Amino acid sequence: MSTKSTMVRVVLLTLLLGVVASVPALAGSAVIGSVAGSMNATVGGQSLLPNTTIFSGDSLQVRDGVAVVAVGNSSRMVFGRDTVASFLKDANEVTVLLSQGNVSMFHPNAGTSVRVKAGDVSIVPAAGFKTLGEVAMLNGSIVVSAKEGSLQVNDRGTTKNVAKGQTIVISPKTADAKKGGSGWGGGGSTYLEAGALGAGGLAAVLAGIGISRADDARNAANSAITAANAATAAANTANTTAASAVAAANAATAAANNATFEAGCTYNDVTTGLPDSPYVPPTGQPCPYPGYLIYED
């Protein structure tokens, strides 16, 4: 084999190995994470099962349930009921595009960076802190809460830090909307801090969440009461039907016994004086006098 031919083979083999080695890296770059657990949730219209791999571009929908997605080695995202979200991944971080509902995020002080975007608002855990926070969309507003660590909220270049124990509500500026502004798109937003809501603005927003959950609980209770009443009615109907059946059976038994009595006594009457009159009436119920059953009008 010539030296030139050998060199060509080596070059081709090297290129092939490079391509093969790059495939896992390319595929791995699109992986968001995996499903740690779920209930009543789908991805791309398919039921979401534990250990399902979530890829960049996937769309998640949670109905009356929950979905937990593990991102990287240690971050976790928990999606609540009535939530719609999709995922994107670039070289540096994973982004959750929240269309409706709510998501809780747990992010250690290291690992894959995570970001939540709701409309024009972007929320990321502050660097260097173990962070536990929640982002919820409610009636056109966005509620951001920090349970542990700190969250950085950015709305078209304006940044707000939400420290542990704080909650802020971001809502469209009413004045801009009245002037023909486009709310989130052009009119800008207003930050409402927990300590500066005056007459309980935040309490009212959060009360809306509580009312919604209370309504869900009340609806569930009403459904349970309706089901219980239906079960009680069905049981009563069954008892009535059973009592009617018992009464009918007793009446049939009495009629059969009476027919047997009359037939036996008639047989005895017509065979009087003949051998082998086998019918013996019940004790205390003697047959009528001879001829009674035959000639009675």
C-alpha atoms as a PDB file:
ATOM      1  CA  MET A   1       0.000   0.000   0.000  1.00  0.00           C
ATOM      2  CA  SER A   2       1.450   3.377  -1.000  1.00  0.00           C
ATOM      3  CA  THR A   3       2.316   6.063   1.520  1.00  0.00           C
ATOM      4  CA  LYS A   4      -0.133   8.454  -0.151  1.00  0.00           C
ATOM      5  CA  SER A   5      -3.002   5.971   0.144  1.00  0.00           C
ATOM      6  CA  THR A   6      -2.162   5.328   3.800  1.00  0.00           C
ATOM      7  CA  MET A   7      -2.208   9.049   4.599  1.00  0.00           C
ATOM      8  CA  VAL A   8      -5.603   9.466   2.926  1.00  0.00           C
ATOM      9  CA  ARG A   9      -7.044   6.619   5.026  1.00  0.00           C
ATOM     10  CA  VAL A  10      -5.655   8.142   8.223  1.00  0.00           C
ATOM     11  CA  VAL A  11      -7.133  11.542   7.414  1.00  0.00           C
ATOM     12  CA  LEU A  12     -10.557  10.021   6.629  1.00  0.00           C
ATOM     13  CA  LEU A  13     -10.497   7.968   9.818  1.00  0.00           C
ATOM     14  CA  THR A  14      -9.579  11.030  11.856  1.00  0.00           C
ATOM     15  CA  LEU A  15     -12.435  13.034  10.357  1.00  0.00           C
ATOM     16  CA  LEU A  16     -14.887  10.187  11.009  1.00  0.00           C
ATOM     17  CA  LEU A  17     -13.840   9.886  14.643  1.00  0.00           C
ATOM     18  CA  GLY A  18     -14.240  13.641  15.043  1.00  0.00           C
ATOM     19  CA  VAL A  19     -17.780  13.543  13.671  1.00  0.00           C
ATOM     20  CA  VAL A  20     -18.767  10.589  15.865  1.00  0.00           C
ATOM     21  CA  ALA A  21     -17.309  12.243  18.936  1.00  0.00           C
ATOM     22  CA  SER A  22     -19.222  15.435  18.235  1.00  0.00           C
ATOM     23  CA  VAL A  23     -22.656  13.745  18.011  1.00  0.00           C
ATOM     24  CA  PRO A  24     -23.133  13.155  21.775  1.00  0.00           C
ATOM     25  CA  ALA A  25     -21.996  16.688  22.470  1.00  0.00           C
ATOM     26  CA  LEU A  26     -24.492  18.133  19.980  1.00  0.00           C
ATOM     27  CA  ALA A  27     -27.295  15.927  21.293  1.00  0.00           C
ATOM     28  CA  GLY A  28     -26.396  16.643  24.918  1.00  0.00           C
ATOM     29  CA  SER A  29     -26.515  20.410  24.331  1.00  0.00           C
ATOM     30  CA  ALA A  30     -30.264  20.155  23.578  1.00  0.00           C
ATOM     31  CA  VAL A  31     -31.116  18.223  26.736  1.00  0.00           C
ATOM     32  CA  ILE A  32     -32.844  20.334  29.407  1.00  0.00           C
ATOM     33  CA  GLY A  33     -33.148  17.641  32.054  1.00  0.00           C
ATOM     34  CA  SER A  34     -35.407  14.790  33.102  1.00  0.00           C
ATOM     35  CA  VAL A  35     -38.768  14.352  34.795  1.00  0.00           C
ATOM     36  CA  ALA A  36     -38.479  13.533  38.497  1.00  0.00           C
ATOM     37  CA  GLY A  37     -42.235  13.090  38.880  1.00  0.00           C
ATOM     38  CA  SER A  38     -45.537  14.254  37.432  1.00  0.00           C
ATOM     39  CA  MET A  39     -49.321  14.014  37.595  1.00  0.00           C
ATOM     40  CA  ASN A  40     -51.775  15.079  34.870  1.00  0.00           C
ATOM     41  CA  ALA A  41     -49.014  16.625  32.760  1.00  0.00           C
ATOM     42  CA  THR A  42     -48.040  16.297  29.090  1.00  0.00           C
ATOM     43  CA  VAL A  43     -45.150  17.234  26.831  1.00  0.00           C
ATOM     44  CA  GLY A  44     -46.039  17.748  23.203  1.00  0.00           C
ATOM     45  CA  GLY A  45     -49.447  16.236  23.927  1.00  0.00           C
ATOM     46  CA  GLN A  46     -47.949  12.993  25.285  1.00  0.00           C
ATOM     47  CA  SER A  47     -48.383  11.910  28.904  1.00  0.00           C
ATOM     48  CA  LEU A  48     -45.371  12.841  30.989  1.00  0.00           C
ATOM     49  CA  LEU A  49     -43.746   9.851  32.706  1.00  0.00           C
ATOM     50  CA  PRO A  50     -40.939   9.745  35.296  1.00  0.00           C
ATOM     51  CA  ASN A  51     -37.414   9.763  33.826  1.00  0.00           C
ATOM     52  CA  THR A  52     -38.680  11.263  30.549  1.00  0.00           C
ATOM     53  CA  THR A  53     -35.968  13.420  28.969  1.00  0.00           C
ATOM     54  CA  ILE A  54     -36.926  17.054  28.350  1.00  0.00           C
ATOM     55  CA  PHE A  55     -35.328  18.690  25.306  1.00  0.00           C
ATOM     56  CA  SER A  56     -34.909  22.284  24.233  1.00  0.00           C
ATOM     57  CA  GLY A  57     -38.049  23.309  22.364  1.00  0.00           C
ATOM     58  CA  ASP A  58     -40.370  20.971  24.281  1.00  0.00           C
ATOM     59  CA  SER A  59     -43.706  22.382  25.471  1.00  0.00           C
ATOM     60  CA  LEU A  60     -45.076  21.363  28.879  1.00  0.00           C
ATOM     61  CA  GLN A  61     -48.704  21.538  29.958  1.00  0.00           C
ATOM     62  CA  VAL A  62     -49.917  20.762  33.473  1.00  0.00           C
ATOM     63  CA  ARG A  63     -53.632  20.420  34.070  1.00  0.00           C
ATOM     64  CA  ASP A  64     -54.950  19.559  37.532  1.00  0.00           C
ATOM     65  CA  GLY A  65     -51.601  18.221  38.690  1.00  0.00           C
ATOM     66  CA  VAL A  66     -47.880  18.951  38.961  1.00  0.00           C
ATOM     67  CA  ALA A  67     -44.601  18.274  37.169  1.00  0.00           C
ATOM     68  CA  VAL A  68     -41.072  18.242  38.608  1.00  0.00           C
ATOM     69  CA  VAL A  69     -38.159  18.636  36.196  1.00  0.00           C
ATOM     70  CA  ALA A  70     -34.542  18.093  37.255  1.00  0.00           C
ATOM     71  CA  VAL A  71     -32.197  20.488  35.449  1.00  0.00           C
ATOM     72  CA  GLY A  72     -28.541  19.539  35.442  1.00  0.00           C
ATOM     73  CA  ASN A  73     -27.266  17.738  38.515  1.00  0.00           C
ATOM     74  CA  SER A  74     -28.997  19.713  41.248  1.00  0.00           C
ATOM     75  CA  SER A  75     -31.508  22.355  40.052  1.00  0.00           C
ATOM     76  CA  ARG A  76     -35.211  21.585  40.238  1.00  0.00           C
ATOM     77  CA  MET A  77     -38.242  23.219  38.593  1.00  0.00           C
ATOM     78  CA  VAL A  78     -41.753  22.501  39.925  1.00  0.00           C
ATOM     79  CA  PHE A  79     -44.663  23.418  37.633  1.00  0.00           C
ATOM     80  CA  GLY A  80     -48.072  23.848  39.288  1.00  0.00           C
ATOM     81  CA  ARG A  81     -51.585  23.269  38.037  1.00  0.00           C
ATOM     82  CA  ASP A  82     -52.944  25.025  34.928  1.00  0.00           C
ATOM     83  CA  THR A  83     -49.411  25.824  33.771  1.00  0.00           C
ATOM     84  CA  VAL A  84     -48.106  26.083  30.208  1.00  0.00           C
ATOM     85  CA  ALA A  85     -44.375  26.493  29.622  1.00  0.00           C
ATOM     86  CA  SER A  86     -41.669  25.705  27.080  1.00  0.00           C
ATOM     87  CA  PHE A  87     -37.909  25.207  27.357  1.00  0.00           C
ATOM     88  CA  LEU A  88     -34.858  26.648  25.650  1.00  0.00           C
ATOM     89  CA  LYS A  89     -31.190  25.921  26.232  1.00  0.00           C
ATOM     90  CA  ASP A  90     -28.084  27.705  25.086  1.00  0.00           C
ATOM     91  CA  ALA A  91     -24.455  27.188  26.017  1.00  0.00           C
ATOM     92  CA  ASN A  92     -24.787  28.945  29.379  1.00  0.00           C
ATOM     93  CA  GLU A  93     -28.270  28.424  30.808  1.00  0.00           C
ATOM     94  CA  VAL A  94     -31.716  26.866  30.630  1.00  0.00           C
ATOM     95  CA  THR A  95     -34.660  29.210  30.047  1.00  0.00           C
ATOM     96  CA  VAL A  96     -38.271  28.449  30.929  1.00  0.00           C
ATOM     97  CA  LEU A  97     -40.792  30.448  28.899  1.00  0.00           C
ATOM     98  CA  LEU A  98     -43.839  30.696  31.176  1.00  0.00           C
ATOM     99  CA  SER A  99     -47.061  31.333  29.248  1.00  0.00           C
ATOM    100  CA  GLN A 100     -49.463  30.813  32.163  1.00  0.00           C
ATOM    101  CA  GLY A 101     -49.558  29.290  35.615  1.00  0.00           C
ATOM    102  CA  ASN A 102     -46.666  29.134  38.059  1.00  0.00           C
ATOM    103  CA  VAL A 103     -43.247  27.607  38.549  1.00  0.00           C
ATOM    104  CA  SER A 104     -41.101  27.156  41.642  1.00  0.00           C
ATOM    105  CA  MET A 105     -37.351  26.924  41.193  1.00  0.00           C
ATOM    106  CA  PHE A 106     -34.638  25.511  43.410  1.00  0.00           C
ATOM    107  CA  HIS A 107     -31.113  26.418  42.386  1.00  0.00           C
ATOM    108  CA  PRO A 108     -27.972  25.718  44.405  1.00  0.00           C
ATOM    109  CA  ASN A 109     -25.123  28.200  44.403  1.00  0.00           C
ATOM    110  CA  ALA A 110     -23.513  26.303  41.500  1.00  0.00           C
ATOM    111  CA  GLY A 111     -24.606  24.208  38.537  1.00  0.00           C
ATOM    112  CA  THR A 112     -26.606  24.908  35.394  1.00  0.00           C
ATOM    113  CA  SER A 113     -27.991  28.442  35.408  1.00  0.00           C
ATOM    114  CA  VAL A 114     -31.785  28.691  35.128  1.00  0.00           C
ATOM    115  CA  ARG A 115     -33.976  31.590  34.022  1.00  0.00           C
ATOM    116  CA  VAL A 116     -37.739  32.119  33.919  1.00  0.00           C
ATOM    117  CA  LYS A 117     -39.241  34.484  31.351  1.00  0.00           C
ATOM    118  CA  ALA A 118     -42.838  35.634  31.662  1.00  0.00           C
ATOM    119  CA  GLY A 119     -43.657  38.062  28.885  1.00  0.00           C
ATOM    120  CA  ASP A 120     -40.936  40.733  28.895  1.00  0.00           C
ATOM    121  CA  VAL A 121     -39.979  39.984  32.486  1.00  0.00           C
ATOM    122  CA  SER A 122     -36.934  37.811  33.194  1.00  0.00           C
ATOM    123  CA  ILE A 123     -36.186  36.226  36.581  1.00  0.00           C
ATOM    124  CA  VAL A 124     -32.880  34.567  37.538  1.00  0.00           C
ATOM    125  CA  PRO A 125     -31.437  33.372  40.869  1.00  0.00           C
ATOM    126  CA  ALA A 126     -28.774  35.707  42.191  1.00  0.00           C
ATOM    127  CA  ALA A 127     -25.276  34.272  41.843  1.00  0.00           C
ATOM    128  CA  GLY A 128     -23.587  32.790  44.883  1.00  0.00           C
ATOM    129  CA  PHE A 129     -26.768  31.886  46.785  1.00  0.00           C
ATOM    130  CA  LYS A 130     -28.847  28.774  47.212  1.00  0.00           C
ATOM    131  CA  THR A 131     -32.173  30.016  45.908  1.00  0.00           C
ATOM    132  CA  LEU A 132     -35.775  28.902  46.257  1.00  0.00           C
ATOM    133  CA  GLY A 133     -38.303  31.132  44.526  1.00  0.00           C
ATOM    134  CA  GLU A 134     -41.666  31.197  42.807  1.00  0.00           C
ATOM    135  CA  VAL A 135     -42.976  32.963  39.713  1.00  0.00           C
ATOM    136  CA  ALA A 136     -46.723  33.098  39.079  1.00  0.00           C
ATOM    137  CA  MET A 137     -48.840  34.746  36.389  1.00  0.00           C
ATOM    138  CA  LEU A 138     -52.137  36.074  37.712  1.00  0.00           C
ATOM    139  CA  ASN A 139     -54.713  38.210  35.893  1.00  0.00           C
ATOM    140  CA  GLY A 140     -52.124  39.951  33.721  1.00  0.00           C
ATOM    141  CA  SER A 141     -49.679  40.507  36.580  1.00  0.00           C
ATOM    142  CA  ILE A 142     -46.549  38.607  37.541  1.00  0.00           C
ATOM    143  CA  VAL A 143     -45.910  37.691  41.172  1.00  0.00           C
ATOM    144  CA  VAL A 144     -42.302  36.934  42.161  1.00  0.00           C
ATOM    145  CA  SER A 145     -41.440  35.554  45.611  1.00  0.00           C
ATOM    146  CA  ALA A 146     -38.095  34.614  47.150  1.00  0.00           C
ATOM    147  CA  LYS A 147     -38.271  31.955  49.857  1.00  0.00           C
ATOM    148  CA  GLU A 148     -34.524  31.412  50.121  1.00  0.00           C
ATOM    149  CA  GLY A 149     -31.612  33.317  48.650  1.00  0.00           C
ATOM    150  CA  SER A 150     -32.347  36.127  46.217  1.00  0.00           C
ATOM    151  CA  LEU A 151     -33.931  36.645  42.784  1.00  0.00           C
ATOM    152  CA  GLN A 152     -33.049  39.254  40.188  1.00  0.00           C
ATOM    153  CA  VAL A 153     -35.996  40.547  38.172  1.00  0.00           C
ATOM    154  CA  ASN A 154     -35.384  42.387  34.910  1.00  0.00           C
ATOM    155  CA  ASP A 155     -38.131  44.182  32.998  1.00  0.00           C
ATOM    156  CA  ARG A 156     -36.815  45.733  29.761  1.00  0.00           C
ATOM    157  CA  GLY A 157     -33.546  46.892  31.296  1.00  0.00           C
ATOM    158  CA  THR A 158     -34.848  47.787  34.755  1.00  0.00           C
ATOM    159  CA  THR A 159     -33.520  45.390  37.383  1.00  0.00           C
ATOM    160  CA  LYS A 160     -34.979  44.721  40.810  1.00  0.00           C
ATOM    161  CA  ASN A 161     -33.518  42.477  43.501  1.00  0.00           C
ATOM    162  CA  VAL A 162     -36.023  40.372  45.468  1.00  0.00           C
ATOM    163  CA  ALA A 163     -34.461  39.260  48.730  1.00  0.00           C
ATOM    164  CA  LYS A 164     -35.417  36.350  50.955  1.00  0.00           C
ATOM    165  CA  GLY A 165     -38.923  36.757  52.341  1.00  0.00           C
ATOM    166  CA  GLN A 166     -39.922  39.422  49.812  1.00  0.00           C
ATOM    167  CA  THR A 167     -42.642  39.328  47.179  1.00  0.00           C
ATOM    168  CA  ILE A 168     -43.178  41.793  44.354  1.00  0.00           C
ATOM    169  CA  VAL A 169     -45.982  42.167  41.842  1.00  0.00           C
ATOM    170  CA  ILE A 170     -45.274  43.470  38.349  1.00  0.00           C
ATOM    171  CA  SER A 171     -48.318  44.832  36.563  1.00  0.00           C
ATOM    172  CA  PRO A 172     -48.910  46.967  33.446  1.00  0.00           C
ATOM    173  CA  LYS A 173     -49.036  50.711  34.078  1.00  0.00           C
ATOM    174  CA  THR A 174     -52.671  51.738  34.078  1.00  0.00           C
ATOM    175  CA  ALA A 175     -51.861  55.320  33.089  1.00  0.00           C
ATOM    176  CA  ASP A 176     -49.861  54.224  30.051  1.00  0.00           C
ATOM    177  CA  ALA A 177     -52.653  51.914  29.012  1.00  0.00           C
ATOM    178  CA  LYS A 178     -55.152  54.774  29.166  1.00  0.00           C
ATOM    179  CA  LYS A 179     -52.877  56.875  26.956  1.00  0.00           C
ATOM    180  CA  GLY A 180     -52.887  54.201  24.306  1.00  0.00           C
ATOM    181  CA  GLY A 181     -49.804  52.332  25.482  1.00  0.00           C
ATOM    182  CA  SER A 182     -49.574  48.628  24.896  1.00  0.00           C
ATOM    183  CA  GLY A 183     -49.076  47.528  28.480  1.00  0.00           C
ATOM    184  CA  TRP A 184     -46.321  44.935  28.619  1.00  0.00           C
ATOM    185  CA  GLY A 185     -45.170  45.616  25.078  1.00  0.00           C
ATOM    186  CA  GLY A 186     -44.592  49.356  25.176  1.00  0.00           C
ATOM    187  CA  GLY A 187     -46.156  51.102  28.127  1.00  0.00           C
ATOM    188  CA  GLY A 188     -43.788  49.668  30.662  1.00  0.00           C
ATOM    189  CA  SER A 189     -44.473  48.045  34.027  1.00  0.00           C
ATOM    190  CA  THR A 190     -44.758  48.996  37.655  1.00  0.00           C
ATOM    191  CA  TYR A 191     -42.899  47.247  40.493  1.00  0.00           C
ATOM    192  CA  LEU A 192     -44.973  46.874  43.632  1.00  0.00           C
ATOM    193  CA  GLU A 193     -42.929  45.907  46.676  1.00  0.00           C
ATOM    194  CA  ALA A 194     -44.429  43.971  49.545  1.00  0.00           C
ATOM    195  CA  GLY A 195     -43.736  46.781  52.000  1.00  0.00           C
ATOM    196  CA  ALA A 196     -45.057  49.539  49.746  1.00  0.00           C
ATOM    197  CA  LEU A 197     -48.448  48.369  48.611  1.00  0.00           C
ATOM    198  CA  GLY A 198     -50.375  50.798  50.791  1.00  0.00           C
ATOM    199  CA  ALA A 199     -53.956  49.615  51.069  1.00  0.00           C
ATOM    200  CA  GLY A 200     -53.089  45.977  50.652  1.00  0.00           C
ATOM    201  CA  GLY A 201     -52.499  45.779  46.911  1.00  0.00           C
ATOM    202  CA  LEU A 202     -50.284  42.733  47.263  1.00  0.00           C
ATOM    203  CA  ALA A 203     -52.688  41.217  49.763  1.00  0.00           C
ATOM    204  CA  ALA A 204     -55.446  41.630  47.199  1.00  0.00           C
ATOM    205  CA  VAL A 205     -53.378  39.954  44.488  1.00  0.00           C
ATOM    206  CA  LEU A 206     -52.338  37.118  46.749  1.00  0.00           C
ATOM    207  CA  ALA A 207     -55.915  36.887  48.013  1.00  0.00           C
ATOM    208  CA  GLY A 208     -56.895  36.272  44.402  1.00  0.00           C
ATOM    209  CA  ILE A 209     -54.662  33.215  44.440  1.00  0.00           C
ATOM    210  CA  GLY A 210     -56.205  32.133  47.731  1.00  0.00           C
ATOM    211  CA  ILE A 211     -59.727  32.686  46.408  1.00  0.00           C
ATOM    212  CA  SER A 212     -58.919  30.646  43.326  1.00  0.00           C
ATOM    213  CA  ARG A 213     -57.618  27.809  45.452  1.00  0.00           C
ATOM    214  CA  ALA A 214     -60.606  28.129  47.802  1.00  0.00           C
ATOM    215  CA  ASP A 215     -62.935  27.936  44.818  1.00  0.00           C
ATOM    216  CA  ASP A 216     -61.170  24.786  43.682  1.00  0.00           C
ATOM    217  CA  ALA A 217     -61.537  23.284  47.158  1.00  0.00           C
ATOM    218  CA  ARG A 218     -65.203  24.305  47.348  1.00  0.00           C
ATOM    219  CA  ASN A 219     -65.905  22.856  43.922  1.00  0.00           C
ATOM    220  CA  ALA A 220     -64.220  19.624  44.947  1.00  0.00           C
ATOM    221  CA  ALA A 221     -66.266  19.552  48.161  1.00  0.00           C
ATOM    222  CA  ASN A 222     -69.496  20.205  46.256  1.00  0.00           C
ATOM    223  CA  SER A 223     -68.644  17.429  43.835  1.00  0.00           C
ATOM    224  CA  ALA A 224     -68.018  15.096  46.759  1.00  0.00           C
ATOM    225  CA  ILE A 225     -71.344  16.079  48.367  1.00  0.00           C
ATOM    226  CA  THR A 226     -73.173  15.537  45.071  1.00  0.00           C
ATOM    227  CA  ALA A 227     -71.545  12.132  44.686  1.00  0.00           C
ATOM    228  CA  ALA A 228     -72.451  11.228  48.285  1.00  0.00           C
ATOM    229  CA  ASN A 229     -76.074  12.308  47.772  1.00  0.00           C
ATOM    230  CA  ALA A 230     -76.257  10.283  44.580  1.00  0.00           C
ATOM    231  CA  ALA A 231     -74.842   7.272  46.398  1.00  0.00           C
ATOM    232  CA  THR A 232     -77.377   7.715  49.221  1.00  0.00           C
ATOM    233  CA  ALA A 233     -80.242   7.982  46.728  1.00  0.00           C
ATOM    234  CA  ALA A 234     -79.008   4.889  44.923  1.00  0.00           C
ATOM    235  CA  ALA A 235     -78.771   3.023  48.229  1.00  0.00           C
ATOM    236  CA  ASN A 236     -82.306   4.099  49.196  1.00  0.00           C
ATOM    237  CA  THR A 237     -83.603   2.995  45.811  1.00  0.00           C
ATOM    238  CA  ALA A 238     -81.821  -0.327  46.231  1.00  0.00           C
ATOM    239  CA  ASN A 239     -83.324  -0.757  49.708  1.00  0.00           C
ATOM    240  CA  THR A 240     -86.805   0.042  48.384  1.00  0.00           C
ATOM    241  CA  THR A 241     -86.339  -2.373  45.501  1.00  0.00           C
ATOM    242  CA  ALA A 242     -85.063  -5.062  47.870  1.00  0.00           C
ATOM    243  CA  ALA A 243     -88.031  -4.543  50.227  1.00  0.00           C
ATOM    244  CA  SER A 244     -90.428  -4.786  47.292  1.00  0.00           C
ATOM    245  CA  ALA A 245     -88.712  -7.953  46.139  1.00  0.00           C
ATOM    246  CA  VAL A 246     -88.966  -9.478  49.612  1.00  0.00           C
ATOM    247  CA  ALA A 247     -92.644  -8.547  49.832  1.00  0.00           C
ATOM    248  CA  ALA A 248     -93.313 -10.033  46.399  1.00  0.00           C
ATOM    249  CA  ALA A 249     -91.448 -13.196  47.338  1.00  0.00           C
ATOM    250  CA  ASN A 250     -93.429 -13.503  50.579  1.00  0.00           C
ATOM    251  CA  ALA A 251     -96.695 -12.987  48.710  1.00  0.00           C
ATOM    252  CA  ALA A 252     -95.701 -15.606  46.144  1.00  0.00           C
ATOM    253  CA  THR A 253     -94.777 -18.037  48.909  1.00  0.00           C
ATOM    254  CA  ALA A 254     -98.096 -17.445  50.688  1.00  0.00           C
ATOM    255  CA  ALA A 255    -100.004 -17.914  47.424  1.00  0.00           C
ATOM    256  CA  ALA A 256     -98.099 -21.128  46.707  1.00  0.00           C
ATOM    257  CA  ASN A 257     -98.751 -22.449  50.196  1.00  0.00           C
ATOM    258  CA  ASN A 258    -102.436 -21.605  49.925  1.00  0.00           C
ATOM    259  CA  ALA A 259    -102.655 -23.276  46.500  1.00  0.00           C
ATOM    260  CA  THR A 260    -100.978 -26.367  47.922  1.00  0.00           C
ATOM    261  CA  PHE A 261    -103.388 -26.387  50.875  1.00  0.00           C
ATOM    262  CA  GLU A 262    -106.466 -26.078  48.709  1.00  0.00           C
ATOM    263  CA  ALA A 263    -105.245 -28.672  46.223  1.00  0.00           C
ATOM    264  CA  GLY A 264    -104.381 -31.136  48.991  1.00  0.00           C
ATOM    265  CA  CYS A 265    -107.641 -30.696  50.809  1.00  0.00           C
ATOM    266  CA  THR A 266    -109.588 -31.017  47.572  1.00  0.00           C
ATOM    267  CA  TYR A 267    -107.740 -34.240  46.821  1.00  0.00           C
ATOM    268  CA  ASN A 268    -108.569 -35.558  50.300  1.00  0.00           C
ATOM    269  CA  ASP A 269    -112.189 -34.518  49.847  1.00  0.00           C
ATOM    270  CA  VAL A 270    -112.696 -36.322  46.572  1.00  0.00           C
ATOM    271  CA  THR A 271    -110.873 -39.429  47.752  1.00  0.00           C
ATOM    272  CA  THR A 272    -112.719 -39.757  51.031  1.00  0.00           C
ATOM    273  CA  GLY A 273    -113.108 -43.375  51.886  1.00  0.00           C
ATOM    274  CA  LEU A 274    -110.476 -44.384  49.386  1.00  0.00           C
ATOM    275  CA  PRO A 275    -107.039 -45.601  50.316  1.00  0.00           C
ATOM    276  CA  ASP A 276    -103.913 -43.510  50.018  1.00  0.00           C
ATOM    277  CA  SER A 277    -105.109 -39.990  50.611  1.00  0.00           C
ATOM    278  CA  PRO A 278    -101.582 -38.619  51.173  1.00  0.00           C
ATOM    279  CA  TYR A 279    -102.108 -34.928  51.887  1.00  0.00           C
ATOM    280  CA  VAL A 280    -101.703 -33.906  55.513  1.00  0.00           C
ATOM    281  CA  PRO A 281    -102.648 -30.261  56.157  1.00  0.00           C
ATOM    282  CA  PRO A 282    -100.377 -28.083  58.321  1.00  0.00           C
ATOM    283  CA  THR A 283    -100.747 -28.356  62.086  1.00  0.00           C
ATOM    284  CA  GLY A 284    -103.521 -26.099  63.323  1.00  0.00           C
ATOM    285  CA  GLN A 285    -104.938 -25.646  59.818  1.00  0.00           C
ATOM    286  CA  PRO A 286    -107.321 -28.558  59.174  1.00  0.00           C
ATOM    287  CA  CYS A 287    -109.000 -28.986  55.872  1.00  0.00           C
ATOM    288  CA  PRO A 288    -112.606 -27.685  55.654  1.00  0.00           C
ATOM    289  CA  TYR A 289    -115.443 -30.141  56.004  1.00  0.00           C
ATOM    290  CA  PRO A 290    -115.893 -32.562  53.109  1.00  0.00           C
ATOM    291  CA  GLY A 291    -117.495 -31.095  50.045  1.00  0.00           C
ATOM    292  CA  TYR A 292    -116.670 -27.507  51.053  1.00  0.00           C
ATOM    293  CA  LEU A 293    -113.943 -27.015  48.480  1.00  0.00           C
ATOM    294  CA  ILE A 294    -115.878 -28.705  45.701  1.00  0.00           C
ATOM    295  CA  TYR A 295    -119.275 -27.156  46.112  1.00  0.00           C
ATOM    296  CA  GLU A 296    -118.400 -23.754  47.495  1.00  0.00           C
ATOM    297  CA  ASP A 297    -119.714 -20.907  45.299  1.00  0.00           C
END
